[in-house]
C-alpha atoms as a PDB file:
ATOM      1  CA  MET A   1       0.076  -0.260  -0.285  1.00  0.00           C
ATOM      2  CA  VAL A   2       1.662   3.143  -1.112  1.00  0.00           C
ATOM      3  CA  LYS A   3       1.552   5.508   1.613  1.00  0.00           C
ATOM      4  CA  LYS A   4      -0.081   9.226   1.446  1.00  0.00           C
ATOM      5  CA  LEU A   5       2.714  11.526   2.567  1.00  0.00           C
ATOM      6  CA  ILE A   6       1.533  14.926   1.810  1.00  0.00           C
ATOM      7  CA  THR A   7      -1.184  17.093   3.476  1.00  0.00           C
ATOM      8  CA  GLU A   8      -2.069  20.816   2.822  1.00  0.00           C
ATOM      9  CA  ILE A   9      -2.952  22.705   5.650  1.00  0.00           C
ATOM     10  CA  SER A  10      -3.593  26.293   7.466  1.00  0.00           C
ATOM     11  CA  GLU A  11      -0.693  27.964  10.069  1.00  0.00           C
ATOM     12  CA  GLU A  12      -4.060  27.403  12.104  1.00  0.00           C
ATOM     13  CA  ASP A  13      -5.162  24.237  12.408  1.00  0.00           C
ATOM     14  CA  PHE A  14      -1.648  22.920  12.137  1.00  0.00           C
ATOM     15  CA  ARG A  15      -0.580  24.784  15.264  1.00  0.00           C
ATOM     16  CA  LYS A  16      -3.856  22.965  16.790  1.00  0.00           C
ATOM     17  CA  LEU A  17      -1.794  19.526  16.511  1.00  0.00           C
ATOM     18  CA  ASP A  18       0.650  20.445  19.221  1.00  0.00           C
ATOM     19  CA  LEU A  19       3.133  18.556  17.578  1.00  0.00           C
ATOM     20  CA  LYS A  20       6.791  17.537  19.492  1.00  0.00           C
ATOM     21  CA  VAL A  21       9.618  16.683  17.605  1.00  0.00           C
ATOM     22  CA  LYS A  22      12.975  15.538  18.915  1.00  0.00           C
ATOM     23  CA  ARG A  23      16.610  16.943  17.857  1.00  0.00           C
ATOM     24  CA  ASN A  24      20.171  15.530  19.269  1.00  0.00           C
ATOM     25  CA  GLU A  25      21.942  18.037  21.618  1.00  0.00           C
ATOM     26  CA  ARG A  26      24.290  18.629  24.286  1.00  0.00           C
ATOM     27  CA  VAL A  27      23.183  18.407  27.702  1.00  0.00           C
ATOM     28  CA  VAL A  28      24.795  19.483  30.452  1.00  0.00           C
ATOM     29  CA  VAL A  29      24.216  16.135  33.113  1.00  0.00           C
ATOM     30  CA  SER A  30      27.162  17.588  35.973  1.00  0.00           C
ATOM     31  CA  GLU A  31      28.596  21.189  36.929  1.00  0.00           C
ATOM     32  CA  ASN A  32      30.640  19.628  39.589  1.00  0.00           C
ATOM     33  CA  ILE A  33      33.763  21.964  38.122  1.00  0.00           C
ATOM     34  CA  PRO A  34      32.673  25.002  38.024  1.00  0.00           C
ATOM     35  CA  GLY A  35      33.336  26.279  34.195  1.00  0.00           C
ATOM     36  CA  HIS A  36      33.713  22.507  33.716  1.00  0.00           C
ATOM     37  CA  PRO A  37      30.315  21.418  33.011  1.00  0.00           C
ATOM     38  CA  VAL A  38      30.278  17.300  31.861  1.00  0.00           C
ATOM     39  CA  CYS A  39      27.653  17.222  28.882  1.00  0.00           C
ATOM     40  CA  LYS A  40      26.415  14.233  27.222  1.00  0.00           C
ATOM     41  CA  PHE A  41      24.652  14.503  23.676  1.00  0.00           C
ATOM     42  CA  GLU A  42      20.236  12.700  23.997  1.00  0.00           C
ATOM     43  CA  MET A  43      17.515  13.965  22.218  1.00  0.00           C
ATOM     44  CA  VAL A  44      15.269  16.147  23.494  1.00  0.00           C
ATOM     45  CA  GLU A  45      12.243  16.833  23.388  1.00  0.00           C
ATOM     46  CA  LYS A  46      10.985  20.067  21.350  1.00  0.00           C
ATOM     47  CA  SER A  47       7.477  21.878  20.332  1.00  0.00           C
ATOM     48  CA  LEU A  48       7.165  22.252  16.600  1.00  0.00           C
ATOM     49  CA  ASN A  49       4.949  24.985  16.745  1.00  0.00           C
ATOM     50  CA  GLU A  50       8.113  27.088  18.898  1.00  0.00           C
ATOM     51  CA  ILE A  51      10.613  26.348  15.922  1.00  0.00           C
ATOM     52  CA  ILE A  52       8.624  27.280  13.305  1.00  0.00           C
ATOM     53  CA  ASP A  53       7.771  30.784  15.601  1.00  0.00           C
ATOM     54  CA  LYS A  54      12.124  31.182  15.727  1.00  0.00           C
ATOM     55  CA  GLN A  55      12.285  30.225  11.999  1.00  0.00           C
ATOM     56  CA  ILE A  56       9.595  32.256  11.077  1.00  0.00           C
ATOM     57  CA  ARG A  57      11.032  35.422  13.361  1.00  0.00           C
ATOM     58  CA  ALA A  58      14.878  34.900  11.867  1.00  0.00           C
ATOM     59  CA  THR A  59      13.252  34.934   7.880  1.00  0.00           C
ATOM     60  CA  ILE A  60      11.712  38.382   9.294  1.00  0.00           C
ATOM     61  CA  GLU A  61      14.481  39.736  10.717  1.00  0.00           C
ATOM     62  CA  ASN A  62      16.347  38.729   7.095  1.00  0.00           C
ATOM     63  CA  GLY A  63      14.396  41.363   5.750  1.00  0.00           C
ATOM     64  CA  CYS A  64      15.614  40.170   1.905  1.00  0.00           C
ATOM     65  CA  GLU A  65      13.893  39.955  -0.971  1.00  0.00           C
ATOM     66  CA  SER A  66      14.015  36.582  -0.989  1.00  0.00           C
ATOM     67  CA  ASP A  67      12.924  35.903   2.677  1.00  0.00           C
ATOM     68  CA  LEU A  68       9.352  37.888   1.759  1.00  0.00           C
ATOM     69  CA  ARG A  69       8.433  35.052  -0.724  1.00  0.00           C
ATOM     70  CA  ASP A  70       9.326  32.447   1.208  1.00  0.00           C
ATOM     71  CA  LEU A  71       6.938  33.545   3.881  1.00  0.00           C
ATOM     72  CA  GLN A  72       4.118  33.695   0.994  1.00  0.00           C
ATOM     73  CA  ILE A  73       5.232  29.659  -0.514  1.00  0.00           C
ATOM     74  CA  PRO A  74       3.532  27.548   1.776  1.00  0.00           C
ATOM     75  CA  LEU A  75       6.060  26.121   4.649  1.00  0.00           C
ATOM     76  CA  THR A  76       6.843  22.191   3.970  1.00  0.00           C
ATOM     77  CA  ILE A  77       8.022  20.070   7.422  1.00  0.00           C
ATOM     78  CA  ALA A  78       8.158  16.425   7.358  1.00  0.00           C
ATOM     79  CA  ILE A  79       7.769  14.408  10.392  1.00  0.00           C
ATOM     80  CA  HIS A  80      10.173  10.963  10.762  1.00  0.00           C
ATOM     81  CA  GLU A  81       8.009   7.543  11.386  1.00  0.00           C
ATOM     82  CA  PRO A  82       8.544   6.985  14.568  1.00  0.00           C
ATOM     83  CA  ASP A  83      11.238   5.172  16.257  1.00  0.00           C
ATOM     84  CA  GLY A  84      13.594   7.153  13.936  1.00  0.00           C
ATOM     85  CA  TYR A  85      15.016  10.698  12.799  1.00  0.00           C
ATOM     86  CA  TYR A  86      16.665  12.233   9.439  1.00  0.00           C
ATOM     87  CA  LEU A  87      20.090  12.454   9.332  1.00  0.00           C
ATOM     88  CA  ASP A  88      21.131  13.036   5.708  1.00  0.00           C
ATOM     89  CA  LYS A  89      24.677  14.139   5.558  1.00  0.00           C
ATOM     90  CA  PHE A  90      23.995  18.149   4.206  1.00  0.00           C
ATOM     91  CA  MET A  91      20.974  18.840   5.849  1.00  0.00           C
ATOM     92  CA  ASN A  92      21.903  17.554   8.871  1.00  0.00           C
ATOM     93  CA  ARG A  93      25.671  19.222   8.825  1.00  0.00           C
ATOM     94  CA  TYR A  94      24.699  21.465  10.924  1.00  0.00           C
ATOM     95  CA  THR A  95      21.400  20.217  13.603  1.00  0.00           C
ATOM     96  CA  GLY A  96      22.958  16.900  13.823  1.00  0.00           C
ATOM     97  CA  ALA A  97      19.876  14.098  13.918  1.00  0.00           C
ATOM     98  CA  GLN A  98      16.310  15.000  14.309  1.00  0.00           C
ATOM     99  CA  THR A  99      12.678  13.483  13.639  1.00  0.00           C
ATOM    100  CA  TYR A 100      11.664  16.421  11.603  1.00  0.00           C
ATOM    101  CA  GLN A 101      12.882  18.141   8.673  1.00  0.00           C
ATOM    102  CA  ILE A 102      11.457  21.998   7.726  1.00  0.00           C
ATOM    103  CA  GLY A 103      11.777  23.646   4.424  1.00  0.00           C
ATOM    104  CA  PHE A 104      11.326  27.087   3.114  1.00  0.00           C
ATOM    105  CA  GLY A 105      10.983  28.554   0.113  1.00  0.00           C
ATOM    106  CA  ILE A 106       9.843  25.493  -1.918  1.00  0.00           C
ATOM    107  CA  LYS A 107       7.526  25.950  -4.250  1.00  0.00           C
ATOM    108  CA  HIS A 108       6.494  22.037  -5.190  1.00  0.00           C
ATOM    109  CA  LEU A 109       8.102  18.593  -4.233  1.00  0.00           C
ATOM    110  CA  TYR A 110       8.781  16.102  -6.692  1.00  0.00           C
ATOM    111  CA  SER A 111       8.436  12.433  -5.942  1.00  0.00           C
ATOM    112  CA  THR A 112      11.010  10.245  -7.114  1.00  0.00           C
ATOM    113  CA  ARG A 113      10.794   5.782  -6.389  1.00  0.00           C
ATOM    114  CA  ASP A 114      12.095   7.053  -3.061  1.00  0.00           C
ATOM    115  CA  TYR A 115      12.353  10.182  -2.307  1.00  0.00           C
ATOM    116  CA  TYR A 116       9.853  13.338  -1.895  1.00  0.00           C
ATOM    117  CA  GLU A 117      12.723  16.736  -3.078  1.00  0.00           C
ATOM    118  CA  CYS A 118      12.580  20.451  -4.316  1.00  0.00           C
ATOM    119  CA  ARG A 119      15.042  21.405  -7.082  1.00  0.00           C
ATOM    120  CA  GLU A 120      15.276  24.833  -5.876  1.00  0.00           C
ATOM    121  CA  ASP A 121      17.846  23.919  -2.927  1.00  0.00           C
ATOM    122  CA  TYR A 122      19.168  20.595  -1.613  1.00  0.00           C
ATOM    123  CA  TRP A 123      15.723  19.424   0.919  1.00  0.00           C
ATOM    124  CA  ARG A 124      14.893  15.499   0.361  1.00  0.00           C
ATOM    125  CA  VAL A 125      13.377  13.101   2.531  1.00  0.00           C
ATOM    126  CA  SER A 126      13.202   9.499   2.056  1.00  0.00           C
ATOM    127  CA  LYS A 127       9.027   7.920   1.717  1.00  0.00           C
ATOM    128  CA  LYS A 128      10.088   5.035   3.455  1.00  0.00           C
ATOM    129  CA  GLU A 129      11.439   6.756   6.839  1.00  0.00           C
ATOM    130  CA  THR A 130       8.432   9.683   6.515  1.00  0.00           C
ATOM    131  CA  LYS A 131       5.139   9.589   8.578  1.00  0.00           C
ATOM    132  CA  VAL A 132       3.905  13.290   6.732  1.00  0.00           C
ATOM    133  CA  ILE A 133       4.930  15.793   5.352  1.00  0.00           C
ATOM    134  CA  TYR A 134       2.762  19.330   5.863  1.00  0.00           C
ATOM    135  CA  ARG A 135       2.187  22.181   3.597  1.00  0.00           C
ATOM    136  CA  ILE A 136       1.168  24.635   5.760  1.00  0.00           C
ATOM    137  CA  LYS A 137      -0.092  28.739   4.920  1.00  0.00           C
ATOM    138  CA  LEU A 138       1.397  30.680   6.539  1.00  0.00           C
ATOM    139  CA  ALA A 139      -0.806  33.532   8.202  1.00  0.00           C
ATOM    140  CA  ASP A 140      -0.427  36.778   5.890  1.00  0.00           C
ATOM    141  CA  HIS A 141       0.051  39.041   8.708  1.00  0.00           C
ATOM    142  CA  TRP A 142       3.429  37.144   8.796  1.00  0.00           C
ATOM    143  CA  ALA A 143       4.026  39.138   5.059  1.00  0.00           C
ATOM    144  CA  GLU A 144       2.103  41.599   6.233  1.00  0.00           C
ATOM    145  CA  GLU A 145       4.661  42.271   9.358  1.00  0.00           C
ATOM    146  CA  PHE A 146       7.827  41.478   6.976  1.00  0.00           C
ATOM    147  CA  VAL A 147      10.086  45.746   6.405  1.00  0.00           C
ATOM    148  CA  LEU A 148      12.507  44.798   2.902  1.00  0.00           C
ATOM    149  CA  LYS A 149      16.034  45.742   3.860  1.00  0.00           C
ATOM    150  CA  HIS A 150      18.064  44.216   1.531  1.00  0.00           C
ATOM    151  CA  ARG A 151      16.907  43.729  -2.249  1.00  0.00           C
ATOM    152  CA  THR A 152      18.465  42.486  -5.806  1.00  0.00           C
ATOM    153  CA  GLU A 153      18.191  44.541  -9.278  1.00  0.00           C
ATOM    154  CA  THR A 154      19.009  42.258 -12.128  1.00  0.00           C
ATOM    155  CA  ILE A 155      19.511  43.298 -14.894  1.00  0.00           C
ATOM    156  CA  ASP A 156      21.233  41.833 -18.796  1.00  0.00           C
ATOM    157  CA  TRP A 157      24.962  42.018 -18.416  1.00  0.00           C
ATOM    158  CA  PRO A 158      25.861  45.512 -19.408  1.00  0.00           C
ATOM    159  CA  TYR A 159      29.234  45.825 -20.451  1.00  0.00           C
ATOM    160  CA  ASN A 160      30.956  44.529 -23.111  1.00  0.00           C
ATOM    161  CA  GLU A 161      33.790  42.781 -21.927  1.00  0.00           C
ATOM    162  CA  LEU A 162      33.317  39.610 -20.023  1.00  0.00           C
ATOM    163  CA  PRO A 163      35.092  39.318 -16.161  1.00  0.00           C
ATOM    164  CA  GLU A 164      38.496  37.330 -16.555  1.00  0.00           C
ATOM    165  CA  GLY A 165      38.084  33.836 -16.664  1.00  0.00           C
ATOM    166  CA  VAL A 166      34.317  33.654 -17.712  1.00  0.00           C
ATOM    167  CA  SER A 167      32.867  31.325 -20.304  1.00  0.00           C
ATOM    168  CA  PRO A 168      31.139  32.503 -22.739  1.00  0.00           C
ATOM    169  CA  ASP A 169      29.020  29.863 -23.646  1.00  0.00           C
ATOM    170  CA  TYR A 170      26.428  30.589 -20.905  1.00  0.00           C
ATOM    171  CA  ILE A 171      22.412  30.431 -21.624  1.00  0.00           C
ATOM    172  CA  ALA A 172      22.591  33.788 -19.512  1.00  0.00           C
ATOM    173  CA  ALA A 173      24.596  36.641 -18.407  1.00  0.00           C
ATOM    174  CA  LEU A 174      23.208  38.470 -15.956  1.00  0.00           C
ATOM    175  CA  LEU A 175      24.451  41.466 -13.708  1.00  0.00           C
ATOM    176  CA  CYS A 176      23.159  41.707 -10.120  1.00  0.00           C
ATOM    177  CA  ILE A 177      23.124  44.901  -7.914  1.00  0.00           C
ATOM    178  CA  ASN A 178      22.508  44.614  -3.778  1.00  0.00           C
ATOM    179  CA  TYR A 179      21.558  47.339  -1.947  1.00  0.00           C
ATOM    180  CA  ASP A 180      20.411  48.084   1.814  1.00  0.00           C
ATOM    181  CA  VAL A 181      17.836  50.046   3.349  1.00  0.00           C
ATOM    182  CA  GLN A 182      19.093  53.280   4.856  1.00  0.00           C
ATOM    183  CA  GLU A 183      17.766  54.671   7.667  1.00  0.00           C
ATOM    184  CA  ASP A 184      16.258  57.572   6.063  1.00  0.00           C
ATOM    185  CA  GLY A 185      14.925  54.778   4.256  1.00  0.00           C
ATOM    186  CA  SER A 186      17.264  55.603   0.518  1.00  0.00           C
ATOM    187  CA  TRP A 187      18.515  52.221  -1.012  1.00  0.00           C
ATOM    188  CA  LYS A 188      22.594  52.593  -0.666  1.00  0.00           C
ATOM    189  CA  GLU A 189      24.698  49.704  -3.003  1.00  0.00           C
ATOM    190  CA  ILE A 190      26.679  47.600  -0.508  1.00  0.00           C
ATOM    191  CA  GLY A 191      28.111  45.281  -4.187  1.00  0.00           C
ATOM    192  CA  ARG A 192      27.819  43.561  -7.228  1.00  0.00           C
ATOM    193  CA  TYR A 193      27.972  40.671  -8.698  1.00  0.00           C
ATOM    194  CA  GLY A 194      28.122  39.035 -12.302  1.00  0.00           C
ATOM    195  CA  ARG A 195      25.999  35.873 -12.639  1.00  0.00           C
ATOM    196  CA  PHE A 196      26.735  33.684 -15.199  1.00  0.00           C
ATOM    197  CA  ILE A 197      24.495  30.827 -15.928  1.00  0.00           C
ATOM    198  CA  TYR A 198      25.240  27.142 -18.046  1.00  0.00           C
ATOM    199  CA  GLU A 199      23.995  23.843 -18.236  1.00  0.00           C
ATOM    200  CA  HIS A 200      24.273  22.163 -14.923  1.00  0.00           C
ATOM    201  CA  MET A 201      26.119  24.618 -13.365  1.00  0.00           C
ATOM    202  CA  GLU A 202      26.073  28.801 -11.965  1.00  0.00           C
ATOM    203  CA  SER A 203      29.008  31.013 -11.970  1.00  0.00           C
ATOM    204  CA  HIS A 204      28.761  33.845  -9.279  1.00  0.00           C
ATOM    205  CA  ILE A 205      31.605  36.126  -9.505  1.00  0.00           C
ATOM    206  CA  PRO A 206      31.616  39.963  -7.820  1.00  0.00           C
ATOM    207  CA  VAL A 207      32.885  42.622  -9.868  1.00  0.00           C
ATOM    208  CA  ASP A 208      33.246  46.339  -9.464  1.00  0.00           C
ATOM    209  CA  LYS A 209      31.511  49.636 -10.988  1.00  0.00           C
ATOM    210  CA  ASP A 210      32.870  48.283 -14.552  1.00  0.00           C
ATOM    211  CA  GLY A 211      32.532  45.258 -14.649  1.00  0.00           C
ATOM    212  CA  ASN A 212      35.827  43.736 -13.608  1.00  0.00           C
ATOM    213  CA  ALA A 213      36.146  40.852 -11.328  1.00  0.00           C
ATOM    214  CA  LEU A 214      37.409  41.146  -8.075  1.00  0.00           C
ATOM    215  CA  LYS A 215      40.467  38.892  -7.531  1.00  0.00           C
ATOM    216  CA  ASP A 216      40.563  36.127  -5.235  1.00  0.00           C
ATOM    217  CA  ILE A 217      36.459  36.097  -4.544  1.00  0.00           C
ATOM    218  CA  VAL A 218      34.943  34.046  -6.904  1.00  0.00           C
ATOM    219  CA  ASN A 219      31.785  31.239  -6.659  1.00  0.00           C
ATOM    220  CA  ASN A 220      30.685  28.977  -8.048  1.00  0.00           C
ATOM    221  CA  VAL A 221      26.466  27.944  -7.979  1.00  0.00           C
ATOM    222  CA  LYS A 222      25.640  23.911  -9.222  1.00  0.00           C
END
């Protein structure tokens, strides 16, 4: 029998479930010697509602255009089957083992034979290991509270030459200009980069105002 994993739900109804999850954390077990606590790692129970609150507040505080989009897209939360936990070498490299996985800004979940995954970023969970995946429509007031602090203007590459070392075999060549809001409400440029899109990768090259690459700062994005 094929499990029905994905459940569409409003934030209000999801919070009523008051779900608890577990995360592997360092816990102090003894402080007999001042300044030298004895600790161990164990799976600690957490309120998923509280975790969501912290994630949403951090997203609002960031203030980037992408953060506003994330608040307007269903929040994705996967819950592991009982007596097990997720330990993906990419998604859990900072969190360690936990019984849930959260994904912001996932427009669509793709189904493969063994996984549900997104294509915008790395996020995937095993169908076999997962009990349920909630797609949560966040309340409108979160987006209404959002204040834009950082924005990016994207235009076609305007310079006659490419930065040194950039291949001309791109699908698209763009100039991205980053701005931060100032106390008086004006916007100040804080940097710019060339975004060169190829079939299987992107190359992000920080540049100056003439389109020349800033040395020793080059990022390649899969």
